[in-house]
Amino acid sequence: MATTFLEDAARTQAAEAIAAIESQTAAEVVVSVRRSSSDYAHTNAWLGAGIAYVNLMFLLFIPQEVHLFAFPPVVLLSFFGGALLGRALPSLRRALTSRKLQETSVRTAARAAFTELGVSHTSRRTGILVFVSLLERRVEVVTDYGVDPSLMGPEWQDALTQLAAALAASTAPEPFFQALRRIQAPLARVLPRLEDDVNELPDMPGVVA
């Protein structure tokens, strides 16, 4: 069975990749994995409403006569059944949620996690958060003031593109953490590891939320 981001083995892979990156750079990298960046409750509600509407139209237009007392329970059960279906099937919820909303939700959650996880508390302000949101299959990289992406040029952007592509293609962690190691070269060039460098943030990600 393939390893997933939710398993301890994936956390170990993350720690190994981070340790390898930080062996060459003064940057402090943190990986955070979340099941989703939002509950997208409105999407579940829209799905429930859609199914309820279809069933209502069915009751109204079928040739057989349906007692009026049957309408409210059928509509209500259809609504709640559709909403529960959305919660039970993440892929369906993702398909019914706009790409723009997913991007905004992941970006907002990543910036909140940046503060919550203390990535902004390093002595040289060289923290980097790699935020993985599984439902949306998106990764958001948030850098502190001491990390200037513009100095790392196309090599940095190419690494981020590879990282996003790895997650979009599969939820298996191996390709993702292989792609993550690509950020080492541009970081080492712009922020080389110092002799007195201390590991200020944990390499092992916390339990998936």
C-alpha atoms as a PDB file:
ATOM      1  CA  MET A   1       0.000   0.000   0.000  1.00  0.00           C
ATOM      2  CA  ALA A   2       1.336   3.427  -0.931  1.00  0.00           C
ATOM      3  CA  THR A   3       2.323   5.792   1.849  1.00  0.00           C
ATOM      4  CA  THR A   4       0.151   8.876   2.299  1.00  0.00           C
ATOM      5  CA  PHE A   5       0.828  12.262   3.853  1.00  0.00           C
ATOM      6  CA  LEU A   6      -1.247  11.150   6.842  1.00  0.00           C
ATOM      7  CA  GLU A   7       1.188   8.432   7.918  1.00  0.00           C
ATOM      8  CA  ASP A   8       4.203   8.656  10.208  1.00  0.00           C
ATOM      9  CA  ALA A   9       6.412   7.431   7.357  1.00  0.00           C
ATOM     10  CA  ALA A  10       5.593  10.591   5.410  1.00  0.00           C
ATOM     11  CA  ARG A  11       6.520  12.757   8.386  1.00  0.00           C
ATOM     12  CA  THR A  12       9.864  10.981   8.495  1.00  0.00           C
ATOM     13  CA  GLN A  13      10.380  11.660   4.785  1.00  0.00           C
ATOM     14  CA  ALA A  14       9.618  15.317   5.404  1.00  0.00           C
ATOM     15  CA  ALA A  15      12.132  15.507   8.251  1.00  0.00           C
ATOM     16  CA  GLU A  16      14.824  13.869   6.120  1.00  0.00           C
ATOM     17  CA  ALA A  17      14.206  16.258   3.227  1.00  0.00           C
ATOM     18  CA  ILE A  18      14.287  19.281   5.538  1.00  0.00           C
ATOM     19  CA  ALA A  19      17.491  18.114   7.228  1.00  0.00           C
ATOM     20  CA  ALA A  20      19.124  17.705   3.818  1.00  0.00           C
ATOM     21  CA  ILE A  21      18.049  21.187   2.734  1.00  0.00           C
ATOM     22  CA  GLU A  22      19.131  22.857   5.970  1.00  0.00           C
ATOM     23  CA  SER A  23      22.539  21.173   5.848  1.00  0.00           C
ATOM     24  CA  GLN A  24      23.430  23.642   3.088  1.00  0.00           C
ATOM     25  CA  THR A  25      21.476  26.765   3.997  1.00  0.00           C
ATOM     26  CA  ALA A  26      20.732  29.108   6.887  1.00  0.00           C
ATOM     27  CA  ALA A  27      17.038  28.977   6.009  1.00  0.00           C
ATOM     28  CA  GLU A  28      14.701  27.212   8.442  1.00  0.00           C
ATOM     29  CA  VAL A  29      12.157  25.072   6.597  1.00  0.00           C
ATOM     30  CA  VAL A  30       8.918  23.836   8.147  1.00  0.00           C
ATOM     31  CA  VAL A  31       6.394  21.536   6.463  1.00  0.00           C
ATOM     32  CA  SER A  32       2.772  21.642   7.598  1.00  0.00           C
ATOM     33  CA  VAL A  33       0.152  19.253   6.208  1.00  0.00           C
ATOM     34  CA  ARG A  34      -3.577  19.892   6.579  1.00  0.00           C
ATOM     35  CA  ARG A  35      -6.509  17.785   5.431  1.00  0.00           C
ATOM     36  CA  SER A  36      -8.123  20.927   4.016  1.00  0.00           C
ATOM     37  CA  SER A  37      -7.892  24.687   4.359  1.00  0.00           C
ATOM     38  CA  SER A  38     -11.646  25.163   4.794  1.00  0.00           C
ATOM     39  CA  ASP A  39     -14.708  23.026   5.447  1.00  0.00           C
ATOM     40  CA  TYR A  40     -16.383  24.596   2.368  1.00  0.00           C
ATOM     41  CA  ALA A  41     -19.743  24.222   4.130  1.00  0.00           C
ATOM     42  CA  HIS A  42     -21.449  26.359   1.507  1.00  0.00           C
ATOM     43  CA  THR A  43     -20.454  23.839  -1.181  1.00  0.00           C
ATOM     44  CA  ASN A  44     -22.112  21.045   0.776  1.00  0.00           C
ATOM     45  CA  ALA A  45     -25.188  23.238   1.184  1.00  0.00           C
ATOM     46  CA  TRP A  46     -25.340  23.976  -2.542  1.00  0.00           C
ATOM     47  CA  LEU A  47     -25.036  20.278  -3.328  1.00  0.00           C
ATOM     48  CA  GLY A  48     -27.843  19.474  -0.900  1.00  0.00           C
ATOM     49  CA  ALA A  49     -30.010  22.232  -2.348  1.00  0.00           C
ATOM     50  CA  GLY A  50     -29.396  20.981  -5.872  1.00  0.00           C
ATOM     51  CA  ILE A  51     -30.390  17.423  -5.043  1.00  0.00           C
ATOM     52  CA  ALA A  52     -33.429  18.655  -3.112  1.00  0.00           C
ATOM     53  CA  TYR A  53     -34.506  20.746  -6.111  1.00  0.00           C
ATOM     54  CA  VAL A  54     -34.175  17.803  -8.506  1.00  0.00           C
ATOM     55  CA  ASN A  55     -36.258  15.577  -6.254  1.00  0.00           C
ATOM     56  CA  LEU A  56     -38.853  18.322  -5.818  1.00  0.00           C
ATOM     57  CA  MET A  57     -39.191  18.647  -9.601  1.00  0.00           C
ATOM     58  CA  PHE A  58     -39.518  14.878  -9.830  1.00  0.00           C
ATOM     59  CA  LEU A  59     -42.370  14.852  -7.308  1.00  0.00           C
ATOM     60  CA  LEU A  60     -44.130  17.719  -9.081  1.00  0.00           C
ATOM     61  CA  PHE A  61     -44.048  16.259 -12.557  1.00  0.00           C
ATOM     62  CA  ILE A  62     -44.344  12.493 -12.206  1.00  0.00           C
ATOM     63  CA  PRO A  63     -47.669  11.167 -13.551  1.00  0.00           C
ATOM     64  CA  GLN A  64     -48.628   9.589 -10.245  1.00  0.00           C
ATOM     65  CA  GLU A  65     -50.311  11.762  -7.664  1.00  0.00           C
ATOM     66  CA  VAL A  66     -48.134  12.461  -4.621  1.00  0.00           C
ATOM     67  CA  HIS A  67     -49.660  13.628  -1.355  1.00  0.00           C
ATOM     68  CA  LEU A  68     -48.554  17.104  -0.294  1.00  0.00           C
ATOM     69  CA  PHE A  69     -47.426  15.792   3.080  1.00  0.00           C
ATOM     70  CA  ALA A  70     -44.700  13.825   1.279  1.00  0.00           C
ATOM     71  CA  PHE A  71     -43.013  16.931  -0.096  1.00  0.00           C
ATOM     72  CA  PRO A  72     -41.396  18.406   3.060  1.00  0.00           C
ATOM     73  CA  PRO A  73     -39.693  15.198   4.277  1.00  0.00           C
ATOM     74  CA  VAL A  74     -38.461  14.285   0.799  1.00  0.00           C
ATOM     75  CA  VAL A  75     -37.000  17.756   0.235  1.00  0.00           C
ATOM     76  CA  LEU A  76     -35.412  17.888   3.691  1.00  0.00           C
ATOM     77  CA  LEU A  77     -33.936  14.400   3.448  1.00  0.00           C
ATOM     78  CA  SER A  78     -32.614  15.201  -0.026  1.00  0.00           C
ATOM     79  CA  PHE A  79     -30.962  18.364   1.229  1.00  0.00           C
ATOM     80  CA  PHE A  80     -29.261  16.754   4.212  1.00  0.00           C
ATOM     81  CA  GLY A  81     -28.357  13.683   2.182  1.00  0.00           C
ATOM     82  CA  GLY A  82     -26.673  15.852  -0.447  1.00  0.00           C
ATOM     83  CA  ALA A  83     -24.823  17.862   2.189  1.00  0.00           C
ATOM     84  CA  LEU A  84     -23.569  14.674   3.841  1.00  0.00           C
ATOM     85  CA  LEU A  85     -22.519  13.343   0.447  1.00  0.00           C
ATOM     86  CA  GLY A  86     -20.364  16.417  -0.065  1.00  0.00           C
ATOM     87  CA  ARG A  87     -18.699  15.905   3.314  1.00  0.00           C
ATOM     88  CA  ALA A  88     -18.103  12.215   2.638  1.00  0.00           C
ATOM     89  CA  LEU A  89     -16.558  12.703  -0.816  1.00  0.00           C
ATOM     90  CA  PRO A  90     -13.687  15.223  -0.722  1.00  0.00           C
ATOM     91  CA  SER A  91     -13.070  14.877  -4.463  1.00  0.00           C
ATOM     92  CA  LEU A  92     -16.674  15.899  -5.150  1.00  0.00           C
ATOM     93  CA  ARG A  93     -16.401  18.851  -2.762  1.00  0.00           C
ATOM     94  CA  ARG A  94     -13.200  19.948  -4.492  1.00  0.00           C
ATOM     95  CA  ALA A  95     -14.810  19.660  -7.936  1.00  0.00           C
ATOM     96  CA  LEU A  96     -17.757  21.813  -6.868  1.00  0.00           C
ATOM     97  CA  THR A  97     -15.634  24.535  -5.252  1.00  0.00           C
ATOM     98  CA  SER A  98     -14.209  27.274  -7.451  1.00  0.00           C
ATOM     99  CA  ARG A  99     -10.471  27.284  -8.044  1.00  0.00           C
ATOM    100  CA  LYS A 100     -10.232  30.890  -6.918  1.00  0.00           C
ATOM    101  CA  LEU A 101     -11.881  30.112  -3.569  1.00  0.00           C
ATOM    102  CA  GLN A 102      -9.576  27.138  -3.049  1.00  0.00           C
ATOM    103  CA  GLU A 103      -6.519  29.277  -3.779  1.00  0.00           C
ATOM    104  CA  THR A 104      -7.707  31.982  -1.385  1.00  0.00           C
ATOM    105  CA  SER A 105      -8.520  29.474   1.360  1.00  0.00           C
ATOM    106  CA  VAL A 106      -5.131  27.764   1.114  1.00  0.00           C
ATOM    107  CA  ARG A 107      -3.264  31.072   1.061  1.00  0.00           C
ATOM    108  CA  THR A 108      -5.167  32.352   4.105  1.00  0.00           C
ATOM    109  CA  ALA A 109      -4.653  29.122   6.045  1.00  0.00           C
ATOM    110  CA  ALA A 110      -0.951  29.084   5.162  1.00  0.00           C
ATOM    111  CA  ARG A 111      -0.391  32.613   6.436  1.00  0.00           C
ATOM    112  CA  ALA A 112      -2.206  31.759   9.652  1.00  0.00           C
ATOM    113  CA  ALA A 113      -0.094  28.613  10.093  1.00  0.00           C
ATOM    114  CA  PHE A 114       3.064  30.641   9.478  1.00  0.00           C
ATOM    115  CA  THR A 115       2.337  32.572  12.657  1.00  0.00           C
ATOM    116  CA  GLU A 116       0.835  29.705  14.659  1.00  0.00           C
ATOM    117  CA  LEU A 117       3.840  27.437  14.067  1.00  0.00           C
ATOM    118  CA  GLY A 118       6.343  30.135  14.988  1.00  0.00           C
ATOM    119  CA  VAL A 119       8.029  30.178  11.589  1.00  0.00           C
ATOM    120  CA  SER A 120       8.403  33.941  11.963  1.00  0.00           C
ATOM    121  CA  HIS A 121      10.357  33.597  15.221  1.00  0.00           C
ATOM    122  CA  THR A 122      13.792  32.629  13.898  1.00  0.00           C
ATOM    123  CA  SER A 123      16.691  34.860  14.909  1.00  0.00           C
ATOM    124  CA  ARG A 124      17.587  35.882  11.336  1.00  0.00           C
ATOM    125  CA  ARG A 125      13.986  35.805  10.040  1.00  0.00           C
ATOM    126  CA  THR A 126      14.861  33.078   7.558  1.00  0.00           C
ATOM    127  CA  GLY A 127      11.843  30.839   8.160  1.00  0.00           C
ATOM    128  CA  ILE A 128      10.067  29.156   5.260  1.00  0.00           C
ATOM    129  CA  LEU A 129       6.713  27.407   5.589  1.00  0.00           C
ATOM    130  CA  VAL A 130       5.776  24.760   3.038  1.00  0.00           C
ATOM    131  CA  PHE A 131       2.029  24.432   3.585  1.00  0.00           C
ATOM    132  CA  VAL A 132       0.327  21.376   2.072  1.00  0.00           C
ATOM    133  CA  SER A 133      -3.475  21.265   1.829  1.00  0.00           C
ATOM    134  CA  LEU A 134      -4.593  17.814   0.760  1.00  0.00           C
ATOM    135  CA  LEU A 135      -8.220  18.334  -0.239  1.00  0.00           C
ATOM    136  CA  GLU A 136      -7.295  21.172  -2.602  1.00  0.00           C
ATOM    137  CA  ARG A 137      -4.036  19.450  -3.644  1.00  0.00           C
ATOM    138  CA  ARG A 138      -2.268  22.759  -3.317  1.00  0.00           C
ATOM    139  CA  VAL A 139       0.959  23.882  -1.728  1.00  0.00           C
ATOM    140  CA  GLU A 140       1.651  27.411  -0.524  1.00  0.00           C
ATOM    141  CA  VAL A 141       5.186  28.508   0.335  1.00  0.00           C
ATOM    142  CA  VAL A 142       5.415  31.440   2.761  1.00  0.00           C
ATOM    143  CA  THR A 143       8.801  33.065   3.374  1.00  0.00           C
ATOM    144  CA  ASP A 144       9.918  35.393   6.152  1.00  0.00           C
ATOM    145  CA  TYR A 145      11.571  38.781   5.614  1.00  0.00           C
ATOM    146  CA  GLY A 146      15.062  37.323   5.581  1.00  0.00           C
ATOM    147  CA  VAL A 147      14.301  35.176   2.534  1.00  0.00           C
ATOM    148  CA  ASP A 148      14.070  37.176  -0.687  1.00  0.00           C
ATOM    149  CA  PRO A 149      12.677  35.021  -3.528  1.00  0.00           C
ATOM    150  CA  SER A 150      13.666  37.642  -6.103  1.00  0.00           C
ATOM    151  CA  LEU A 151      17.347  36.980  -5.374  1.00  0.00           C
ATOM    152  CA  MET A 152      16.953  33.275  -6.139  1.00  0.00           C
ATOM    153  CA  GLY A 153      15.630  33.861  -9.627  1.00  0.00           C
ATOM    154  CA  PRO A 154      14.168  31.269 -12.012  1.00  0.00           C
ATOM    155  CA  GLU A 155      15.748  28.355 -10.152  1.00  0.00           C
ATOM    156  CA  TRP A 156      13.546  29.070  -7.133  1.00  0.00           C
ATOM    157  CA  GLN A 157      10.422  29.520  -9.230  1.00  0.00           C
ATOM    158  CA  ASP A 158      11.124  26.298 -11.119  1.00  0.00           C
ATOM    159  CA  ALA A 159      11.467  24.445  -7.821  1.00  0.00           C
ATOM    160  CA  LEU A 160       8.117  25.788  -6.600  1.00  0.00           C
ATOM    161  CA  THR A 161       6.488  24.837  -9.897  1.00  0.00           C
ATOM    162  CA  GLN A 162       7.807  21.287  -9.581  1.00  0.00           C
ATOM    163  CA  LEU A 163       6.560  21.159  -5.998  1.00  0.00           C
ATOM    164  CA  ALA A 164       3.047  22.243  -6.966  1.00  0.00           C
ATOM    165  CA  ALA A 165       2.982  19.826  -9.898  1.00  0.00           C
ATOM    166  CA  ALA A 166       4.013  16.898  -7.701  1.00  0.00           C
ATOM    167  CA  LEU A 167       1.139  17.521  -5.285  1.00  0.00           C
ATOM    168  CA  ALA A 168      -1.417  18.186  -8.017  1.00  0.00           C
ATOM    169  CA  ALA A 169      -0.514  14.920  -9.741  1.00  0.00           C
ATOM    170  CA  SER A 170      -0.584  12.667  -6.688  1.00  0.00           C
ATOM    171  CA  THR A 171      -1.154  12.642  -2.942  1.00  0.00           C
ATOM    172  CA  ALA A 172       1.741  10.210  -2.544  1.00  0.00           C
ATOM    173  CA  PRO A 173       4.429  11.972  -0.488  1.00  0.00           C
ATOM    174  CA  GLU A 174       7.519  10.516  -2.169  1.00  0.00           C
ATOM    175  CA  PRO A 175       7.431  12.634  -5.379  1.00  0.00           C
ATOM    176  CA  PHE A 176       6.547  15.706  -3.341  1.00  0.00           C
ATOM    177  CA  PHE A 177       9.490  15.440  -0.969  1.00  0.00           C
ATOM    178  CA  GLN A 178      11.815  14.675  -3.865  1.00  0.00           C
ATOM    179  CA  ALA A 179      10.627  17.911  -5.467  1.00  0.00           C
ATOM    180  CA  LEU A 180      11.006  19.738  -2.144  1.00  0.00           C
ATOM    181  CA  ARG A 181      14.738  19.038  -2.159  1.00  0.00           C
ATOM    182  CA  ARG A 182      15.026  21.190  -5.285  1.00  0.00           C
ATOM    183  CA  ILE A 183      14.731  24.343  -3.172  1.00  0.00           C
ATOM    184  CA  GLN A 184      18.081  23.514  -1.562  1.00  0.00           C
ATOM    185  CA  ALA A 185      20.269  24.817  -4.395  1.00  0.00           C
ATOM    186  CA  PRO A 186      18.816  28.351  -4.692  1.00  0.00           C
ATOM    187  CA  LEU A 187      18.626  28.682  -0.904  1.00  0.00           C
ATOM    188  CA  ALA A 188      22.223  27.549  -0.454  1.00  0.00           C
ATOM    189  CA  ARG A 189      23.364  30.057  -3.057  1.00  0.00           C
ATOM    190  CA  VAL A 190      21.576  33.049  -1.505  1.00  0.00           C
ATOM    191  CA  LEU A 191      21.489  31.978   2.162  1.00  0.00           C
ATOM    192  CA  PRO A 192      24.445  29.649   2.738  1.00  0.00           C
ATOM    193  CA  ARG A 193      24.665  27.810   6.041  1.00  0.00           C
ATOM    194  CA  LEU A 194      26.693  29.672   8.679  1.00  0.00           C
ATOM    195  CA  GLU A 195      29.254  28.150  11.020  1.00  0.00           C
ATOM    196  CA  ASP A 196      27.203  29.040  14.091  1.00  0.00           C
ATOM    197  CA  ASP A 197      23.926  27.917  12.537  1.00  0.00           C
ATOM    198  CA  VAL A 198      21.453  26.396  15.008  1.00  0.00           C
ATOM    199  CA  ASN A 199      18.357  24.408  14.081  1.00  0.00           C
ATOM    200  CA  GLU A 200      15.661  26.676  15.529  1.00  0.00           C
ATOM    201  CA  LEU A 201      12.541  24.943  14.223  1.00  0.00           C
ATOM    202  CA  PRO A 202      11.623  21.228  14.287  1.00  0.00           C
ATOM    203  CA  ASP A 203      12.253  19.251  11.107  1.00  0.00           C
ATOM    204  CA  MET A 204       9.515  16.733  11.889  1.00  0.00           C
ATOM    205  CA  PRO A 205       6.045  18.020  10.965  1.00  0.00           C
ATOM    206  CA  GLY A 206       3.378  17.907  13.637  1.00  0.00           C
ATOM    207  CA  VAL A 207       0.338  15.663  13.543  1.00  0.00           C
ATOM    208  CA  VAL A 208      -1.843  16.326  10.509  1.00  0.00           C
ATOM    209  CA  ALA A 209      -4.791  18.578  11.350  1.00  0.00           C
END
